[in-house]
Amino acid sequence: MKKLGLGLVFTLILSGCQTADTPRTASEIKPASLDNGKPLPQFEVPRLTGGTLKSSDLRGKVTVVDFWATWCNPCIAEIPNYNKLKEKFAGKDVEILGMTVESGSLEDIKPKVEEFKIQYSVVVGTDEIAQDFGGIIGWPTTFLVSKDGKIVKRIIGSPPGKIEQMEKDIEMLLGRSPQ
């Protein structure tokens, strides 16, 4: 039984971080039914631009928390889409946050952020924070958090239509009809 469980976990981990051209289905965009309404975990993490970010700093904002790694091709492929989200919702109560884990130190990550031309906030997370969110079983894993600090959705991987659905979800959480 233990071997079966380990095999299942290993399969799930491998299936999450696939190449950017690996077909995925829109049905893989699932609400975080186990986490739906779960409060945003408490954390304080270093920002790549200096200083720290506390989870309490996100209160009052619809927040996209994207757990990514510098070595994950699907994570890197999504960066331009997150840059567009940042631009689309500029001046609104929306925060796009890239939380990198398993990517080394600040000094290791900074050149990658420049190389990938990331225009949104990047912080360095920990395995403990990832676990507090509900765990990461595939890369990338993205959480959508409401203004009142509740996790309302978890998306594992990079399925087609992910960003478009997130735009609609963000609009809804801002209290506007999706456009």
N, C-alpha and C. Protein backbone atom coordinates (compact mmCIF):
# COMPACT_ATOMS: atom_id res chain seq x y z
N MET A 1 0.82 -1.19 0.00
CA MET A 1 0.00 0.00 0.00
C MET A 1 0.87 1.26 0.00
N LYS A 2 1.96 1.23 0.79
CA LYS A 2 2.85 2.38 0.85
C LYS A 2 3.50 2.63 -0.51
N LYS A 3 3.88 1.53 -1.22
CA LYS A 3 4.48 1.68 -2.54
C LYS A 3 3.48 2.26 -3.52
N LEU A 4 2.22 1.86 -3.42
CA LEU A 4 1.18 2.39 -4.31
C LEU A 4 1.01 3.88 -4.06
N GLY A 5 0.99 4.29 -2.81
CA GLY A 5 0.85 5.71 -2.47
C GLY A 5 2.02 6.52 -2.98
N LEU A 6 3.23 6.02 -2.80
CA LEU A 6 4.42 6.72 -3.29
C LEU A 6 4.41 6.80 -4.81
N GLY A 7 3.98 5.74 -5.46
CA GLY A 7 3.89 5.73 -6.91
C GLY A 7 2.91 6.76 -7.42
N LEU A 8 1.77 6.89 -6.74
CA LEU A 8 0.76 7.88 -7.12
C LEU A 8 1.29 9.29 -6.94
N VAL A 9 1.95 9.57 -5.84
CA VAL A 9 2.53 10.90 -5.60
C VAL A 9 3.58 11.20 -6.66
N PHE A 10 4.44 10.25 -6.97
CA PHE A 10 5.48 10.45 -7.97
C PHE A 10 4.87 10.75 -9.34
N THR A 11 3.83 10.02 -9.71
CA THR A 11 3.15 10.25 -10.99
C THR A 11 2.54 11.63 -11.05
N LEU A 12 1.90 12.06 -9.97
CA LEU A 12 1.29 13.39 -9.94
C LEU A 12 2.34 14.48 -10.06
N ILE A 13 3.46 14.31 -9.40
CA ILE A 13 4.53 15.30 -9.46
C ILE A 13 5.06 15.41 -10.89
N LEU A 14 5.31 14.28 -11.52
CA LEU A 14 5.82 14.30 -12.88
C LEU A 14 4.83 14.87 -13.88
N SER A 15 3.56 14.66 -13.65
CA SER A 15 2.57 15.14 -14.61
C SER A 15 2.35 16.64 -14.51
N GLY A 16 2.70 17.27 -13.40
CA GLY A 16 2.46 18.70 -13.24
C GLY A 16 3.40 19.57 -14.04
N CYS A 17 4.67 19.30 -14.04
CA CYS A 17 5.64 20.12 -14.76
C CYS A 17 5.99 19.42 -16.05
N GLN A 18 5.24 19.76 -17.09
CA GLN A 18 5.46 19.20 -18.41
C GLN A 18 5.95 20.30 -19.32
N THR A 19 6.33 19.94 -20.51
CA THR A 19 6.76 20.96 -21.44
C THR A 19 5.59 21.84 -21.81
N ALA A 20 5.88 23.05 -22.24
CA ALA A 20 4.83 24.03 -22.53
C ALA A 20 3.91 23.56 -23.64
N ASP A 21 4.36 22.67 -24.53
CA ASP A 21 3.51 22.25 -25.63
C ASP A 21 2.76 20.96 -25.34
N THR A 22 2.84 20.45 -24.12
CA THR A 22 2.10 19.27 -23.75
C THR A 22 0.63 19.61 -23.65
N PRO A 23 -0.24 18.92 -24.41
CA PRO A 23 -1.66 19.28 -24.35
C PRO A 23 -2.24 18.98 -22.98
N ARG A 24 -3.04 19.90 -22.49
CA ARG A 24 -3.76 19.75 -21.23
C ARG A 24 -5.19 20.13 -21.52
N THR A 25 -6.12 19.71 -20.73
CA THR A 25 -7.52 20.04 -20.99
C THR A 25 -8.00 21.11 -20.04
N ALA A 26 -9.00 21.87 -20.50
CA ALA A 26 -9.57 22.92 -19.66
C ALA A 26 -10.22 22.33 -18.43
N SER A 27 -10.60 21.04 -18.48
CA SER A 27 -11.23 20.43 -17.32
C SER A 27 -10.28 20.32 -16.15
N GLU A 28 -8.98 20.53 -16.39
CA GLU A 28 -8.01 20.48 -15.30
C GLU A 28 -8.01 21.76 -14.47
N ILE A 29 -8.75 22.77 -14.93
CA ILE A 29 -8.91 23.97 -14.12
C ILE A 29 -10.02 23.65 -13.13
N LYS A 30 -9.65 23.46 -11.91
CA LYS A 30 -10.62 23.03 -10.90
C LYS A 30 -10.60 23.98 -9.72
N PRO A 31 -11.78 24.27 -9.18
CA PRO A 31 -11.77 25.03 -7.94
C PRO A 31 -11.07 24.21 -6.86
N ALA A 32 -10.48 24.90 -5.93
CA ALA A 32 -9.82 24.22 -4.82
C ALA A 32 -10.88 23.78 -3.84
N SER A 33 -11.61 22.73 -4.20
CA SER A 33 -12.75 22.34 -3.39
C SER A 33 -12.36 22.03 -1.95
N LEU A 34 -11.18 21.47 -1.75
CA LEU A 34 -10.76 21.19 -0.38
C LEU A 34 -10.31 22.45 0.34
N ASP A 35 -9.86 23.45 -0.45
CA ASP A 35 -9.33 24.67 0.14
C ASP A 35 -10.30 25.84 0.00
N ASN A 36 -11.41 25.65 -0.71
CA ASN A 36 -12.31 26.75 -1.01
C ASN A 36 -12.72 27.47 0.27
N GLY A 37 -12.38 28.74 0.32
CA GLY A 37 -12.70 29.52 1.50
C GLY A 37 -11.66 29.43 2.60
N LYS A 38 -10.63 28.63 2.38
CA LYS A 38 -9.55 28.52 3.36
C LYS A 38 -8.82 29.86 3.43
N PRO A 39 -8.51 30.34 4.61
CA PRO A 39 -7.81 31.62 4.73
C PRO A 39 -6.40 31.55 4.13
N LEU A 40 -5.98 32.67 3.58
CA LEU A 40 -4.62 32.80 3.09
C LEU A 40 -3.66 32.53 4.25
N PRO A 41 -2.67 31.65 4.06
CA PRO A 41 -1.73 31.38 5.15
C PRO A 41 -0.96 32.64 5.54
N GLN A 42 -0.54 32.69 6.78
CA GLN A 42 0.29 33.80 7.26
C GLN A 42 1.73 33.54 6.86
N PHE A 43 2.35 34.55 6.24
CA PHE A 43 3.75 34.42 5.85
C PHE A 43 4.40 35.80 5.76
N GLU A 44 5.70 35.78 5.79
CA GLU A 44 6.52 36.96 5.52
C GLU A 44 7.71 36.47 4.71
N VAL A 45 7.83 36.98 3.49
CA VAL A 45 8.83 36.48 2.55
C VAL A 45 9.64 37.63 1.95
N PRO A 46 10.89 37.35 1.56
CA PRO A 46 11.69 38.41 0.94
C PRO A 46 11.22 38.69 -0.49
N ARG A 47 11.17 40.00 -0.82
CA ARG A 47 10.89 40.44 -2.19
C ARG A 47 12.21 40.51 -2.94
N LEU A 48 12.17 40.23 -4.22
CA LEU A 48 13.39 40.35 -5.02
C LEU A 48 13.82 41.80 -5.16
N THR A 49 12.88 42.72 -5.04
CA THR A 49 13.20 44.15 -5.16
C THR A 49 13.66 44.74 -3.84
N GLY A 50 13.71 43.93 -2.79
CA GLY A 50 14.13 44.40 -1.48
C GLY A 50 12.96 44.43 -0.52
N GLY A 51 13.25 44.33 0.74
CA GLY A 51 12.21 44.32 1.76
C GLY A 51 11.50 42.98 1.81
N THR A 52 10.38 42.98 2.49
CA THR A 52 9.61 41.75 2.64
C THR A 52 8.15 42.01 2.28
N LEU A 53 7.44 40.93 2.05
CA LEU A 53 6.00 40.97 1.81
C LEU A 53 5.35 40.09 2.86
N LYS A 54 4.35 40.64 3.54
CA LYS A 54 3.57 39.86 4.50
C LYS A 54 2.23 39.52 3.85
N SER A 55 1.69 38.39 4.21
CA SER A 55 0.38 38.02 3.68
C SER A 55 -0.65 39.09 4.01
N SER A 56 -0.51 39.76 5.15
CA SER A 56 -1.46 40.82 5.52
C SER A 56 -1.41 42.00 4.55
N ASP A 57 -0.28 42.18 3.82
CA ASP A 57 -0.17 43.25 2.83
C ASP A 57 -1.12 43.03 1.65
N LEU A 58 -1.61 41.80 1.48
CA LEU A 58 -2.46 41.46 0.35
C LEU A 58 -3.94 41.67 0.65
N ARG A 59 -4.26 41.94 1.89
CA ARG A 59 -5.66 42.14 2.30
C ARG A 59 -6.26 43.29 1.49
N GLY A 60 -7.48 43.09 1.00
CA GLY A 60 -8.16 44.11 0.22
C GLY A 60 -7.86 44.04 -1.26
N LYS A 61 -7.07 43.05 -1.67
CA LYS A 61 -6.73 42.88 -3.08
C LYS A 61 -7.11 41.47 -3.53
N VAL A 62 -7.58 41.37 -4.76
CA VAL A 62 -7.70 40.06 -5.38
C VAL A 62 -6.27 39.68 -5.75
N THR A 63 -5.83 38.51 -5.33
CA THR A 63 -4.42 38.14 -5.50
C THR A 63 -4.29 36.82 -6.24
N VAL A 64 -3.40 36.83 -7.23
CA VAL A 64 -3.00 35.62 -7.92
C VAL A 64 -1.64 35.25 -7.33
N VAL A 65 -1.55 34.08 -6.70
CA VAL A 65 -0.28 33.61 -6.15
C VAL A 65 0.14 32.42 -7.01
N ASP A 66 1.18 32.63 -7.80
CA ASP A 66 1.67 31.60 -8.70
C ASP A 66 2.95 31.00 -8.13
N PHE A 67 2.87 29.75 -7.69
CA PHE A 67 4.06 29.03 -7.24
C PHE A 67 4.78 28.50 -8.47
N TRP A 68 6.03 28.92 -8.64
CA TRP A 68 6.78 28.55 -9.82
C TRP A 68 8.24 28.30 -9.44
N ALA A 69 8.97 27.77 -10.40
CA ALA A 69 10.40 27.52 -10.19
C ALA A 69 11.14 27.95 -11.45
N THR A 70 12.36 28.39 -11.28
CA THR A 70 13.15 28.91 -12.40
C THR A 70 13.49 27.83 -13.42
N TRP A 71 13.41 26.57 -13.05
CA TRP A 71 13.74 25.46 -13.93
C TRP A 71 12.52 24.84 -14.60
N CYS A 72 11.33 25.35 -14.32
CA CYS A 72 10.07 24.76 -14.79
C CYS A 72 9.62 25.42 -16.10
N ASN A 73 9.70 24.70 -17.20
CA ASN A 73 9.34 25.26 -18.50
C ASN A 73 7.91 25.77 -18.58
N PRO A 74 6.89 25.05 -18.10
CA PRO A 74 5.54 25.60 -18.16
C PRO A 74 5.39 26.87 -17.31
N CYS A 75 6.12 26.94 -16.22
CA CYS A 75 6.10 28.15 -15.38
C CYS A 75 6.63 29.34 -16.16
N ILE A 76 7.73 29.13 -16.84
CA ILE A 76 8.37 30.19 -17.62
C ILE A 76 7.47 30.61 -18.77
N ALA A 77 6.82 29.63 -19.41
CA ALA A 77 5.93 29.93 -20.54
C ALA A 77 4.76 30.81 -20.14
N GLU A 78 4.34 30.75 -18.87
CA GLU A 78 3.20 31.55 -18.40
C GLU A 78 3.56 33.00 -18.07
N ILE A 79 4.82 33.30 -17.92
CA ILE A 79 5.24 34.64 -17.48
C ILE A 79 4.66 35.76 -18.36
N PRO A 80 4.73 35.67 -19.69
CA PRO A 80 4.14 36.76 -20.49
C PRO A 80 2.65 36.96 -20.21
N ASN A 81 1.92 35.87 -19.94
CA ASN A 81 0.49 35.99 -19.63
C ASN A 81 0.27 36.70 -18.30
N TYR A 82 1.12 36.43 -17.32
CA TYR A 82 0.99 37.13 -16.04
C TYR A 82 1.38 38.59 -16.18
N ASN A 83 2.36 38.88 -17.05
CA ASN A 83 2.69 40.28 -17.33
C ASN A 83 1.47 41.00 -17.92
N LYS A 84 0.75 40.34 -18.82
CA LYS A 84 -0.45 40.93 -19.42
C LYS A 84 -1.54 41.13 -18.38
N LEU A 85 -1.71 40.15 -17.48
CA LEU A 85 -2.69 40.30 -16.40
C LEU A 85 -2.35 41.51 -15.54
N LYS A 86 -1.08 41.64 -15.21
CA LYS A 86 -0.62 42.78 -14.40
C LYS A 86 -0.99 44.09 -15.10
N GLU A 87 -0.74 44.15 -16.40
CA GLU A 87 -1.04 45.35 -17.17
C GLU A 87 -2.55 45.59 -17.25
N LYS A 88 -3.32 44.54 -17.50
CA LYS A 88 -4.77 44.68 -17.64
C LYS A 88 -5.41 45.21 -16.37
N PHE A 89 -4.93 44.77 -15.22
CA PHE A 89 -5.55 45.15 -13.95
C PHE A 89 -4.77 46.22 -13.21
N ALA A 90 -3.86 46.91 -13.90
CA ALA A 90 -3.11 48.01 -13.28
C ALA A 90 -4.07 49.05 -12.75
N GLY A 91 -3.81 49.53 -11.54
CA GLY A 91 -4.66 50.54 -10.92
C GLY A 91 -5.91 49.99 -10.26
N LYS A 92 -6.08 48.68 -10.33
CA LYS A 92 -7.21 48.02 -9.67
C LYS A 92 -6.67 47.34 -8.41
N ASP A 93 -7.56 46.82 -7.60
CA ASP A 93 -7.14 46.12 -6.38
C ASP A 93 -6.77 44.67 -6.70
N VAL A 94 -5.74 44.51 -7.54
CA VAL A 94 -5.30 43.19 -7.97
C VAL A 94 -3.79 43.11 -7.81
N GLU A 95 -3.32 42.01 -7.25
CA GLU A 95 -1.88 41.76 -7.09
C GLU A 95 -1.55 40.45 -7.78
N ILE A 96 -0.56 40.49 -8.66
CA ILE A 96 -0.03 39.28 -9.28
C ILE A 96 1.29 39.00 -8.57
N LEU A 97 1.40 37.82 -8.00
CA LEU A 97 2.54 37.49 -7.16
C LEU A 97 3.15 36.17 -7.60
N GLY A 98 4.40 36.22 -8.01
CA GLY A 98 5.13 35.00 -8.33
C GLY A 98 5.91 34.58 -7.10
N MET A 99 5.57 33.41 -6.55
CA MET A 99 6.27 32.91 -5.37
C MET A 99 7.15 31.75 -5.81
N THR A 100 8.44 32.04 -5.94
CA THR A 100 9.35 31.01 -6.41
C THR A 100 9.82 30.13 -5.24
N VAL A 101 9.87 28.86 -5.51
CA VAL A 101 10.37 27.89 -4.54
C VAL A 101 11.30 26.93 -5.27
N GLU A 102 12.17 26.30 -4.51
CA GLU A 102 13.12 25.33 -5.06
C GLU A 102 13.93 25.92 -6.21
N SER A 103 14.31 27.19 -6.08
CA SER A 103 15.03 27.87 -7.16
C SER A 103 16.33 28.52 -6.69
N GLY A 104 16.74 28.27 -5.46
CA GLY A 104 17.97 28.83 -4.96
C GLY A 104 17.77 30.11 -4.16
N SER A 105 18.84 30.85 -4.03
CA SER A 105 18.84 32.07 -3.22
C SER A 105 18.34 33.26 -4.03
N LEU A 106 18.18 34.39 -3.34
CA LEU A 106 17.81 35.63 -4.02
C LEU A 106 18.79 35.92 -5.15
N GLU A 107 20.08 35.73 -4.90
CA GLU A 107 21.10 36.00 -5.91
C GLU A 107 20.97 35.07 -7.11
N ASP A 108 20.50 33.84 -6.89
CA ASP A 108 20.28 32.90 -7.99
C ASP A 108 19.05 33.28 -8.81
N ILE A 109 18.04 33.81 -8.15
CA ILE A 109 16.75 34.07 -8.79
C ILE A 109 16.73 35.40 -9.53
N LYS A 110 17.38 36.43 -9.00
CA LYS A 110 17.34 37.76 -9.61
C LYS A 110 17.70 37.76 -11.10
N PRO A 111 18.78 37.11 -11.54
CA PRO A 111 19.09 37.13 -12.98
C PRO A 111 18.00 36.45 -13.82
N LYS A 112 17.36 35.44 -13.25
CA LYS A 112 16.30 34.73 -13.97
C LYS A 112 15.08 35.64 -14.16
N VAL A 113 14.76 36.42 -13.13
CA VAL A 113 13.62 37.35 -13.21
C VAL A 113 13.88 38.37 -14.32
N GLU A 114 15.11 38.84 -14.41
CA GLU A 114 15.48 39.77 -15.49
C GLU A 114 15.44 39.07 -16.84
N GLU A 115 15.99 37.88 -16.91
CA GLU A 115 16.02 37.12 -18.17
C GLU A 115 14.61 36.84 -18.68
N PHE A 116 13.70 36.48 -17.78
CA PHE A 116 12.33 36.14 -18.16
C PHE A 116 11.44 37.37 -18.29
N LYS A 117 11.99 38.56 -17.97
CA LYS A 117 11.27 39.83 -18.10
C LYS A 117 9.98 39.86 -17.28
N ILE A 118 10.08 39.41 -16.03
CA ILE A 118 8.92 39.40 -15.14
C ILE A 118 8.64 40.83 -14.68
N GLN A 119 7.39 41.26 -14.85
CA GLN A 119 7.00 42.63 -14.52
C GLN A 119 6.12 42.72 -13.27
N TYR A 120 5.84 41.61 -12.63
CA TYR A 120 5.02 41.58 -11.43
C TYR A 120 5.89 41.23 -10.24
N SER A 121 5.33 41.31 -9.06
CA SER A 121 6.09 41.05 -7.83
C SER A 121 6.55 39.60 -7.75
N VAL A 122 7.80 39.42 -7.38
CA VAL A 122 8.35 38.08 -7.18
C VAL A 122 8.91 38.02 -5.77
N VAL A 123 8.55 36.95 -5.08
CA VAL A 123 9.04 36.72 -3.73
C VAL A 123 9.61 35.31 -3.66
N VAL A 124 10.39 35.06 -2.63
CA VAL A 124 10.98 33.74 -2.44
C VAL A 124 10.21 33.03 -1.33
N GLY A 125 9.53 31.96 -1.71
CA GLY A 125 8.75 31.19 -0.76
C GLY A 125 9.55 30.05 -0.17
N THR A 126 8.88 29.27 0.64
CA THR A 126 9.49 28.10 1.26
C THR A 126 8.58 26.90 1.08
N ASP A 127 9.12 25.73 1.32
CA ASP A 127 8.29 24.52 1.27
C ASP A 127 7.17 24.59 2.31
N GLU A 128 7.48 25.19 3.46
CA GLU A 128 6.47 25.31 4.53
C GLU A 128 5.29 26.17 4.06
N ILE A 129 5.58 27.28 3.39
CA ILE A 129 4.50 28.14 2.89
C ILE A 129 3.69 27.40 1.84
N ALA A 130 4.36 26.71 0.93
CA ALA A 130 3.66 25.93 -0.08
C ALA A 130 2.74 24.90 0.59
N GLN A 131 3.23 24.27 1.62
CA GLN A 131 2.42 23.30 2.36
C GLN A 131 1.23 23.97 3.02
N ASP A 132 1.43 25.16 3.56
CA ASP A 132 0.34 25.90 4.21
C ASP A 132 -0.77 26.28 3.22
N PHE A 133 -0.41 26.45 1.95
CA PHE A 133 -1.40 26.73 0.91
C PHE A 133 -2.19 25.48 0.56
N GLY A 134 -1.67 24.32 0.89
CA GLY A 134 -2.34 23.07 0.55
C GLY A 134 -1.44 22.12 -0.20
N GLY A 135 -0.20 22.52 -0.40
CA GLY A 135 0.77 21.66 -1.06
C GLY A 135 0.84 21.90 -2.55
N ILE A 136 2.00 21.59 -3.10
CA ILE A 136 2.25 21.72 -4.52
C ILE A 136 2.49 20.32 -5.06
N ILE A 137 1.60 19.86 -5.93
CA ILE A 137 1.77 18.52 -6.50
C ILE A 137 2.15 18.58 -7.97
N GLY A 138 2.22 19.77 -8.52
CA GLY A 138 2.63 19.95 -9.91
C GLY A 138 3.01 21.40 -10.14
N TRP A 139 3.82 21.63 -11.15
CA TRP A 139 4.31 22.98 -11.43
C TRP A 139 3.71 23.48 -12.73
N PRO A 140 3.32 24.69 -12.82
CA PRO A 140 3.10 25.63 -11.72
C PRO A 140 1.81 25.28 -10.98
N THR A 141 1.65 25.82 -9.80
CA THR A 141 0.38 25.74 -9.08
C THR A 141 0.01 27.18 -8.73
N THR A 142 -1.21 27.54 -9.12
CA THR A 142 -1.66 28.92 -8.97
C THR A 142 -2.88 28.97 -8.07
N PHE A 143 -2.88 29.93 -7.16
CA PHE A 143 -4.01 30.13 -6.25
C PHE A 143 -4.61 31.50 -6.51
N LEU A 144 -5.93 31.56 -6.49
CA LEU A 144 -6.64 32.81 -6.61
C LEU A 144 -7.24 33.11 -5.24
N VAL A 145 -6.95 34.32 -4.75
CA VAL A 145 -7.34 34.70 -3.39
C VAL A 145 -8.25 35.92 -3.48
N SER A 146 -9.36 35.88 -2.75
CA SER A 146 -10.32 36.98 -2.75
C SER A 146 -9.81 38.15 -1.90
N LYS A 147 -10.48 39.30 -2.03
CA LYS A 147 -10.08 40.49 -1.27
C LYS A 147 -10.09 40.26 0.23
N ASP A 148 -10.98 39.37 0.68
CA ASP A 148 -11.06 39.12 2.13
C ASP A 148 -10.10 38.02 2.58
N GLY A 149 -9.15 37.66 1.70
CA GLY A 149 -8.09 36.73 2.11
C GLY A 149 -8.48 35.28 2.12
N LYS A 150 -9.43 34.88 1.29
CA LYS A 150 -9.83 33.47 1.20
C LYS A 150 -9.35 32.88 -0.12
N ILE A 151 -8.79 31.69 -0.06
CA ILE A 151 -8.38 30.98 -1.27
C ILE A 151 -9.65 30.46 -1.94
N VAL A 152 -9.89 30.89 -3.17
CA VAL A 152 -11.12 30.49 -3.86
C VAL A 152 -10.88 29.52 -5.00
N LYS A 153 -9.63 29.41 -5.47
CA LYS A 153 -9.36 28.49 -6.57
C LYS A 153 -7.89 28.08 -6.56
N ARG A 154 -7.66 26.84 -6.97
CA ARG A 154 -6.31 26.33 -7.16
C ARG A 154 -6.27 25.72 -8.56
N ILE A 155 -5.25 26.08 -9.32
CA ILE A 155 -5.09 25.56 -10.67
C ILE A 155 -3.72 24.90 -10.72
N ILE A 156 -3.70 23.63 -11.07
CA ILE A 156 -2.45 22.88 -11.15
C ILE A 156 -2.06 22.76 -12.61
N GLY A 157 -0.84 23.16 -12.92
CA GLY A 157 -0.35 23.07 -14.29
C GLY A 157 -0.71 24.28 -15.13
N SER A 158 -0.63 24.08 -16.44
CA SER A 158 -0.87 25.16 -17.41
C SER A 158 -1.88 24.72 -18.47
N PRO A 159 -3.10 24.44 -18.07
CA PRO A 159 -4.09 23.99 -19.06
C PRO A 159 -4.50 25.13 -20.00
N PRO A 160 -4.95 24.79 -21.20
CA PRO A 160 -5.44 25.82 -22.12
C PRO A 160 -6.59 26.59 -21.47
N GLY A 161 -6.62 27.88 -21.74
CA GLY A 161 -7.70 28.71 -21.22
C GLY A 161 -7.50 29.17 -19.79
N LYS A 162 -6.39 28.83 -19.19
CA LYS A 162 -6.14 29.17 -17.78
C LYS A 162 -6.20 30.67 -17.55
N ILE A 163 -5.46 31.44 -18.32
CA ILE A 163 -5.38 32.88 -18.09
C ILE A 163 -6.72 33.54 -18.39
N GLU A 164 -7.38 33.11 -19.46
CA GLU A 164 -8.68 33.69 -19.80
C GLU A 164 -9.69 33.45 -18.68
N GLN A 165 -9.69 32.25 -18.11
CA GLN A 165 -10.60 31.96 -17.00
C GLN A 165 -10.23 32.78 -15.77
N MET A 166 -8.93 32.94 -15.54
CA MET A 166 -8.49 33.74 -14.39
C MET A 166 -8.95 35.19 -14.55
N GLU A 167 -8.88 35.73 -15.77
CA GLU A 167 -9.36 37.10 -16.00
C GLU A 167 -10.82 37.22 -15.59
N LYS A 168 -11.64 36.24 -16.00
CA LYS A 168 -13.07 36.25 -15.65
C LYS A 168 -13.24 36.14 -14.14
N ASP A 169 -12.47 35.25 -13.53
CA ASP A 169 -12.57 35.07 -12.07
C ASP A 169 -12.17 36.35 -11.33
N ILE A 170 -11.11 37.00 -11.80
CA ILE A 170 -10.66 38.24 -11.16
C ILE A 170 -11.74 39.31 -11.28
N GLU A 171 -12.31 39.46 -12.47
CA GLU A 171 -13.39 40.43 -12.68
C GLU A 171 -14.54 40.15 -11.71
N MET A 172 -14.92 38.88 -11.59
CA MET A 172 -16.01 38.50 -10.69
C MET A 172 -15.66 38.86 -9.24
N LEU A 173 -14.42 38.55 -8.83
CA LEU A 173 -14.02 38.84 -7.46
C LEU A 173 -13.90 40.35 -7.19
N LEU A 174 -13.68 41.12 -8.25
CA LEU A 174 -13.67 42.58 -8.10
C LEU A 174 -15.09 43.14 -8.06
N GLY A 175 -16.08 42.26 -8.31
CA GLY A 175 -17.48 42.69 -8.26
C GLY A 175 -17.98 43.27 -9.56
N ARG A 176 -17.29 42.93 -10.65
CA ARG A 176 -17.70 43.41 -11.97
C ARG A 176 -18.05 42.22 -12.85
N SER A 177 -18.86 42.46 -13.85
CA SER A 177 -19.18 41.42 -14.82
C SER A 177 -17.96 41.20 -15.71
N PRO A 178 -17.64 39.93 -16.01
CA PRO A 178 -16.51 39.67 -16.90
C PRO A 178 -16.74 40.33 -18.25
N GLN A 179 -15.67 40.87 -18.83
CA GLN A 179 -15.80 41.55 -20.12
C GLN A 179 -15.30 40.70 -21.24
